[in-house]
Amino acid sequence: MNVLDVINEHALLVQAGATVVLVLATVVLAWATVRLAQESRKAREDAIQPRVSARLKIDGETGQFVRLIVSNIGHGPAINLSILLEGDQEDFAKHGMDFFRGVSGTINFLSPRENEDYFLGIAEKLFADPPMQPFSIVLKYTDVYDRSYCSRVEMNVKQFKGTHWFSFSAPWRQMRALEKIEETMDGISETWRKLSVKLEDGR
């Protein structure tokens, strides 16, 4: 008995087996297609997902002010971004942050790589003994798919210890004053040099 005879003898069984294999292959293909569609959708959504963060920054020009920088470091816009400061309200008031009590604002639209700059307080008051206690920044926002996000960033002004306004304000201002004097003198010297050249050429 050859192979063809065996197949013919069990034709119904072979056909049933082939049908089962075909059905299984179809199910697997359908499952893979659904998974691929889900992954593609997730990838598209993640590609425009916002990510908002916050940090403290000492004013680079004067060193007298502490600012709150809110940044969108994600790939998509943050919509209806609310910023809330949570901490010891009495401590806020003690360090001159009355205007920040309880709250602080809403941004309708924050684009990727965009920053919002807020005046937080005067360094002299924030670092006054004892320094302001750590507090939290709560950020709530949505993306273009109306998915909600909430993040909490812990803040501590003590991180600037040794580099705050008291450490370099007076010397810094003196240095800037000397730099401005030097720049002015250089400008006068250059003007005098050009004038001297013109006078010599006119002779």
C-alpha atoms as a PDB file:
ATOM      1  CA  MET A   1       0.000   0.000   0.000  1.00  0.00           C
ATOM      2  CA  ASN A   2       1.514   3.265  -1.097  1.00  0.00           C
ATOM      3  CA  VAL A   3       1.093   6.780   0.268  1.00  0.00           C
ATOM      4  CA  LEU A   4      -1.703   7.664  -2.122  1.00  0.00           C
ATOM      5  CA  ASP A   5      -3.700   4.647  -1.047  1.00  0.00           C
ATOM      6  CA  VAL A   6      -3.323   5.666   2.609  1.00  0.00           C
ATOM      7  CA  ILE A   7      -4.445   9.216   1.848  1.00  0.00           C
ATOM      8  CA  ASN A   8      -7.419   8.005  -0.141  1.00  0.00           C
ATOM      9  CA  GLU A   9      -8.383   5.586   2.593  1.00  0.00           C
ATOM     10  CA  HIS A  10      -8.269   8.316   5.249  1.00  0.00           C
ATOM     11  CA  ALA A  11      -9.405  11.220   3.070  1.00  0.00           C
ATOM     12  CA  LEU A  12     -12.010  12.452   5.505  1.00  0.00           C
ATOM     13  CA  LEU A  13      -9.535  12.403   8.401  1.00  0.00           C
ATOM     14  CA  VAL A  14      -6.906  14.233   6.356  1.00  0.00           C
ATOM     15  CA  GLN A  15      -9.454  16.832   5.271  1.00  0.00           C
ATOM     16  CA  ALA A  16     -10.597  17.363   8.843  1.00  0.00           C
ATOM     17  CA  GLY A  17      -7.016  17.766   9.999  1.00  0.00           C
ATOM     18  CA  ALA A  18      -6.290  20.263   7.254  1.00  0.00           C
ATOM     19  CA  THR A  19      -9.407  22.217   8.199  1.00  0.00           C
ATOM     20  CA  VAL A  20      -8.332  22.338  11.850  1.00  0.00           C
ATOM     21  CA  VAL A  21      -4.870  23.563  10.855  1.00  0.00           C
ATOM     22  CA  LEU A  22      -6.406  26.222   8.593  1.00  0.00           C
ATOM     23  CA  VAL A  23      -8.733  27.389  11.364  1.00  0.00           C
ATOM     24  CA  LEU A  24      -5.876  27.581  13.854  1.00  0.00           C
ATOM     25  CA  ALA A  25      -3.737  29.499  11.362  1.00  0.00           C
ATOM     26  CA  THR A  26      -6.613  31.916  10.751  1.00  0.00           C
ATOM     27  CA  VAL A  27      -7.102  32.450  14.498  1.00  0.00           C
ATOM     28  CA  VAL A  28      -3.382  33.058  15.032  1.00  0.00           C
ATOM     29  CA  LEU A  29      -3.276  35.473  12.086  1.00  0.00           C
ATOM     30  CA  ALA A  30      -6.321  37.359  13.391  1.00  0.00           C
ATOM     31  CA  TRP A  31      -4.802  37.566  16.892  1.00  0.00           C
ATOM     32  CA  ALA A  32      -1.494  38.825  15.482  1.00  0.00           C
ATOM     33  CA  THR A  33      -3.320  41.429  13.406  1.00  0.00           C
ATOM     34  CA  VAL A  34      -5.234  42.697  16.443  1.00  0.00           C
ATOM     35  CA  ARG A  35      -2.043  42.840  18.522  1.00  0.00           C
ATOM     36  CA  LEU A  36      -0.230  44.700  15.759  1.00  0.00           C
ATOM     37  CA  ALA A  37      -3.061  47.223  15.523  1.00  0.00           C
ATOM     38  CA  GLN A  38      -3.020  47.708  19.313  1.00  0.00           C
ATOM     39  CA  GLU A  39       0.745  48.151  19.383  1.00  0.00           C
ATOM     40  CA  SER A  40       0.608  50.587  16.468  1.00  0.00           C
ATOM     41  CA  ARG A  41      -2.067  52.638  18.205  1.00  0.00           C
ATOM     42  CA  LYS A  42      -0.126  52.630  21.465  1.00  0.00           C
ATOM     43  CA  ALA A  43       3.026  53.707  19.607  1.00  0.00           C
ATOM     44  CA  ARG A  44       1.133  56.579  17.957  1.00  0.00           C
ATOM     45  CA  GLU A  45      -0.303  57.680  21.291  1.00  0.00           C
ATOM     46  CA  ASP A  46       3.053  57.417  23.065  1.00  0.00           C
ATOM     47  CA  ALA A  47       4.664  59.423  20.279  1.00  0.00           C
ATOM     48  CA  ILE A  48       2.580  62.449  21.310  1.00  0.00           C
ATOM     49  CA  GLN A  49       2.508  61.787  25.044  1.00  0.00           C
ATOM     50  CA  PRO A  50       3.325  64.829  27.190  1.00  0.00           C
ATOM     51  CA  ARG A  51       5.594  64.667  30.212  1.00  0.00           C
ATOM     52  CA  VAL A  52       5.617  67.654  32.514  1.00  0.00           C
ATOM     53  CA  SER A  53       8.305  68.234  35.107  1.00  0.00           C
ATOM     54  CA  ALA A  54       9.267  71.041  37.473  1.00  0.00           C
ATOM     55  CA  ARG A  55      12.478  72.330  39.005  1.00  0.00           C
ATOM     56  CA  LEU A  56      13.822  75.259  40.988  1.00  0.00           C
ATOM     57  CA  LYS A  57      16.295  77.730  39.552  1.00  0.00           C
ATOM     58  CA  ILE A  58      18.195  80.634  41.039  1.00  0.00           C
ATOM     59  CA  ASP A  59      18.014  83.719  38.859  1.00  0.00           C
ATOM     60  CA  GLY A  60      21.210  83.751  36.837  1.00  0.00           C
ATOM     61  CA  GLU A  61      21.398  87.522  36.535  1.00  0.00           C
ATOM     62  CA  THR A  62      21.099  88.686  40.119  1.00  0.00           C
ATOM     63  CA  GLY A  63      21.062  85.555  42.272  1.00  0.00           C
ATOM     64  CA  GLN A  64      18.393  87.241  44.386  1.00  0.00           C
ATOM     65  CA  PHE A  65      15.343  85.344  43.154  1.00  0.00           C
ATOM     66  CA  VAL A  66      14.288  81.709  43.118  1.00  0.00           C
ATOM     67  CA  ARG A  67      12.111  80.659  40.211  1.00  0.00           C
ATOM     68  CA  LEU A  68       9.933  77.669  39.501  1.00  0.00           C
ATOM     69  CA  ILE A  69      10.464  76.260  36.003  1.00  0.00           C
ATOM     70  CA  VAL A  70       7.684  74.029  34.644  1.00  0.00           C
ATOM     71  CA  SER A  71       8.732  72.152  31.493  1.00  0.00           C
ATOM     72  CA  ASN A  72       7.089  69.796  29.037  1.00  0.00           C
ATOM     73  CA  ILE A  73       9.856  67.319  28.220  1.00  0.00           C
ATOM     74  CA  GLY A  74       7.541  64.916  26.401  1.00  0.00           C
ATOM     75  CA  HIS A  75       6.637  64.578  22.724  1.00  0.00           C
ATOM     76  CA  GLY A  76       3.088  65.938  22.819  1.00  0.00           C
ATOM     77  CA  PRO A  77       1.274  68.965  24.218  1.00  0.00           C
ATOM     78  CA  ALA A  78       0.048  69.066  27.805  1.00  0.00           C
ATOM     79  CA  ILE A  79      -3.513  70.356  27.977  1.00  0.00           C
ATOM     80  CA  ASN A  80      -5.231  72.035  30.946  1.00  0.00           C
ATOM     81  CA  LEU A  81      -2.102  71.806  33.073  1.00  0.00           C
ATOM     82  CA  SER A  82      -2.764  72.697  36.706  1.00  0.00           C
ATOM     83  CA  ILE A  83       0.064  73.513  39.107  1.00  0.00           C
ATOM     84  CA  LEU A  84      -0.469  73.091  42.825  1.00  0.00           C
ATOM     85  CA  LEU A  85       2.001  73.721  45.652  1.00  0.00           C
ATOM     86  CA  GLU A  86       1.508  71.487  48.663  1.00  0.00           C
ATOM     87  CA  GLY A  87       3.328  72.101  51.907  1.00  0.00           C
ATOM     88  CA  ASP A  88       3.247  73.853  55.239  1.00  0.00           C
ATOM     89  CA  GLN A  89       1.143  76.961  54.589  1.00  0.00           C
ATOM     90  CA  GLU A  90       2.564  78.729  57.638  1.00  0.00           C
ATOM     91  CA  ASP A  91       6.061  77.988  56.378  1.00  0.00           C
ATOM     92  CA  PHE A  92       5.103  79.482  52.990  1.00  0.00           C
ATOM     93  CA  ALA A  93       3.883  82.670  54.673  1.00  0.00           C
ATOM     94  CA  LYS A  94       6.945  82.864  56.921  1.00  0.00           C
ATOM     95  CA  HIS A  95       9.227  82.831  53.872  1.00  0.00           C
ATOM     96  CA  GLY A  96       7.271  85.357  51.832  1.00  0.00           C
ATOM     97  CA  MET A  97       5.221  82.994  49.667  1.00  0.00           C
ATOM     98  CA  ASP A  98       1.731  84.206  50.612  1.00  0.00           C
ATOM     99  CA  PHE A  99       0.771  84.590  46.951  1.00  0.00           C
ATOM    100  CA  PHE A 100       1.472  80.884  46.366  1.00  0.00           C
ATOM    101  CA  ARG A 101      -0.824  79.637  49.113  1.00  0.00           C
ATOM    102  CA  GLY A 102      -2.938  76.732  48.064  1.00  0.00           C
ATOM    103  CA  VAL A 103      -2.527  76.923  44.347  1.00  0.00           C
ATOM    104  CA  SER A 104      -1.081  78.358  41.685  1.00  0.00           C
ATOM    105  CA  GLY A 105      -2.450  78.288  38.267  1.00  0.00           C
ATOM    106  CA  THR A 106      -3.578  76.620  35.107  1.00  0.00           C
ATOM    107  CA  ILE A 107      -1.929  76.519  31.696  1.00  0.00           C
ATOM    108  CA  ASN A 108      -4.320  75.742  28.858  1.00  0.00           C
ATOM    109  CA  PHE A 109      -1.657  74.439  26.479  1.00  0.00           C
ATOM    110  CA  LEU A 110       2.031  73.668  27.010  1.00  0.00           C
ATOM    111  CA  SER A 111       3.854  72.578  23.862  1.00  0.00           C
ATOM    112  CA  PRO A 112       6.714  70.045  23.824  1.00  0.00           C
ATOM    113  CA  ARG A 113      10.041  71.560  24.920  1.00  0.00           C
ATOM    114  CA  GLU A 114       8.232  74.651  26.180  1.00  0.00           C
ATOM    115  CA  ASN A 115       8.864  76.160  29.626  1.00  0.00           C
ATOM    116  CA  GLU A 116       6.822  78.313  31.953  1.00  0.00           C
ATOM    117  CA  ASP A 117       8.752  80.481  34.398  1.00  0.00           C
ATOM    118  CA  TYR A 118       7.224  81.496  37.752  1.00  0.00           C
ATOM    119  CA  PHE A 119       8.656  83.759  40.406  1.00  0.00           C
ATOM    120  CA  LEU A 120       8.753  81.630  43.560  1.00  0.00           C
ATOM    121  CA  GLY A 121      10.309  83.944  46.113  1.00  0.00           C
ATOM    122  CA  ILE A 122      13.192  86.128  47.248  1.00  0.00           C
ATOM    123  CA  ALA A 123      16.309  84.129  48.109  1.00  0.00           C
ATOM    124  CA  GLU A 124      16.973  86.204  51.209  1.00  0.00           C
ATOM    125  CA  LYS A 125      13.611  85.131  52.675  1.00  0.00           C
ATOM    126  CA  LEU A 126      13.597  81.558  51.380  1.00  0.00           C
ATOM    127  CA  PHE A 127      17.027  80.875  52.906  1.00  0.00           C
ATOM    128  CA  ALA A 128      16.424  82.763  56.145  1.00  0.00           C
ATOM    129  CA  ASP A 129      17.086  80.559  59.193  1.00  0.00           C
ATOM    130  CA  PRO A 130      15.529  78.146  59.378  1.00  0.00           C
ATOM    131  CA  PRO A 131      15.316  77.638  55.568  1.00  0.00           C
ATOM    132  CA  MET A 132      11.975  76.874  53.982  1.00  0.00           C
ATOM    133  CA  GLN A 133      10.837  73.292  54.478  1.00  0.00           C
ATOM    134  CA  PRO A 134      10.576  70.864  51.544  1.00  0.00           C
ATOM    135  CA  PHE A 135       7.311  71.024  49.620  1.00  0.00           C
ATOM    136  CA  SER A 136       5.645  69.327  46.670  1.00  0.00           C
ATOM    137  CA  ILE A 137       4.589  70.474  43.213  1.00  0.00           C
ATOM    138  CA  VAL A 138       1.539  68.545  41.952  1.00  0.00           C
ATOM    139  CA  LEU A 139       1.090  68.628  38.174  1.00  0.00           C
ATOM    140  CA  LYS A 140      -2.166  67.479  36.590  1.00  0.00           C
ATOM    141  CA  TYR A 141      -2.828  67.548  32.853  1.00  0.00           C
ATOM    142  CA  THR A 142      -4.281  65.664  29.876  1.00  0.00           C
ATOM    143  CA  ASP A 143      -3.079  64.795  26.388  1.00  0.00           C
ATOM    144  CA  VAL A 144      -4.792  65.131  22.999  1.00  0.00           C
ATOM    145  CA  TYR A 145      -6.546  61.793  23.610  1.00  0.00           C
ATOM    146  CA  ASP A 146      -7.981  63.212  26.867  1.00  0.00           C
ATOM    147  CA  ARG A 147      -5.937  60.786  28.961  1.00  0.00           C
ATOM    148  CA  SER A 148      -5.214  62.155  32.430  1.00  0.00           C
ATOM    149  CA  TYR A 149      -1.810  62.392  34.089  1.00  0.00           C
ATOM    150  CA  CYS A 150      -0.734  63.369  37.568  1.00  0.00           C
ATOM    151  CA  SER A 151       2.823  63.693  38.859  1.00  0.00           C
ATOM    152  CA  ARG A 152       4.328  64.938  42.093  1.00  0.00           C
ATOM    153  CA  VAL A 153       7.745  66.575  42.250  1.00  0.00           C
ATOM    154  CA  GLU A 154       9.451  67.042  45.611  1.00  0.00           C
ATOM    155  CA  MET A 155      11.179  70.392  46.068  1.00  0.00           C
ATOM    156  CA  ASN A 156      13.806  71.450  48.571  1.00  0.00           C
ATOM    157  CA  VAL A 157      15.419  74.881  48.516  1.00  0.00           C
ATOM    158  CA  LYS A 158      18.211  73.529  50.713  1.00  0.00           C
ATOM    159  CA  GLN A 159      19.717  72.044  47.555  1.00  0.00           C
ATOM    160  CA  PHE A 160      21.103  75.505  46.866  1.00  0.00           C
ATOM    161  CA  LYS A 161      22.948  75.683  50.162  1.00  0.00           C
ATOM    162  CA  GLY A 162      26.359  77.220  49.596  1.00  0.00           C
ATOM    163  CA  THR A 163      25.397  78.756  46.242  1.00  0.00           C
ATOM    164  CA  HIS A 164      22.479  80.973  47.196  1.00  0.00           C
ATOM    165  CA  TRP A 165      22.190  84.729  47.263  1.00  0.00           C
ATOM    166  CA  PHE A 166      24.068  85.218  50.553  1.00  0.00           C
ATOM    167  CA  SER A 167      27.073  83.321  49.214  1.00  0.00           C
ATOM    168  CA  PHE A 168      27.775  85.392  46.177  1.00  0.00           C
ATOM    169  CA  SER A 169      25.493  88.415  45.913  1.00  0.00           C
ATOM    170  CA  ALA A 170      27.907  91.124  47.084  1.00  0.00           C
ATOM    171  CA  PRO A 171      31.059  89.766  45.387  1.00  0.00           C
ATOM    172  CA  TRP A 172      29.015  88.996  42.301  1.00  0.00           C
ATOM    173  CA  ARG A 173      27.719  92.547  42.047  1.00  0.00           C
ATOM    174  CA  GLN A 174      31.238  93.891  42.566  1.00  0.00           C
ATOM    175  CA  MET A 175      32.572  91.604  39.865  1.00  0.00           C
ATOM    176  CA  ARG A 176      29.818  92.640  37.442  1.00  0.00           C
ATOM    177  CA  ALA A 177      30.525  96.304  38.184  1.00  0.00           C
ATOM    178  CA  LEU A 178      34.224  95.805  37.450  1.00  0.00           C
ATOM    179  CA  GLU A 179      33.385  93.948  34.244  1.00  0.00           C
ATOM    180  CA  LYS A 180      31.152  96.799  33.098  1.00  0.00           C
ATOM    181  CA  ILE A 181      33.886  99.334  33.895  1.00  0.00           C
ATOM    182  CA  GLU A 182      36.366  97.237  31.939  1.00  0.00           C
ATOM    183  CA  GLU A 183      33.964  96.977  28.992  1.00  0.00           C
ATOM    184  CA  THR A 184      33.450 100.751  29.052  1.00  0.00           C
ATOM    185  CA  MET A 185      37.202 101.415  29.182  1.00  0.00           C
ATOM    186  CA  ASP A 186      37.775  98.999  26.285  1.00  0.00           C
ATOM    187  CA  GLY A 187      35.125 100.858  24.292  1.00  0.00           C
ATOM    188  CA  ILE A 188      36.765 104.217  25.038  1.00  0.00           C
ATOM    189  CA  SER A 189      40.183 102.838  24.100  1.00  0.00           C
ATOM    190  CA  GLU A 190      38.877 101.463  20.815  1.00  0.00           C
ATOM    191  CA  THR A 191      37.143 104.750  19.991  1.00  0.00           C
ATOM    192  CA  TRP A 192      40.332 106.708  20.788  1.00  0.00           C
ATOM    193  CA  ARG A 193      42.391 104.338  18.648  1.00  0.00           C
ATOM    194  CA  LYS A 194      40.081 104.831  15.655  1.00  0.00           C
ATOM    195  CA  LEU A 195      40.093 108.598  16.182  1.00  0.00           C
ATOM    196  CA  SER A 196      43.900 108.636  16.344  1.00  0.00           C
ATOM    197  CA  VAL A 197      44.122 106.688  13.090  1.00  0.00           C
ATOM    198  CA  LYS A 198      41.789 109.140  11.366  1.00  0.00           C
ATOM    199  CA  LEU A 199      43.773 112.114  12.657  1.00  0.00           C
ATOM    200  CA  GLU A 200      47.038 110.608  11.414  1.00  0.00           C
ATOM    201  CA  ASP A 201      45.507 109.819   8.020  1.00  0.00           C
ATOM    202  CA  GLY A 202      44.283 113.429   7.741  1.00  0.00           C
ATOM    203  CA  ARG A 203      47.756 114.883   8.105  1.00  0.00           C
END
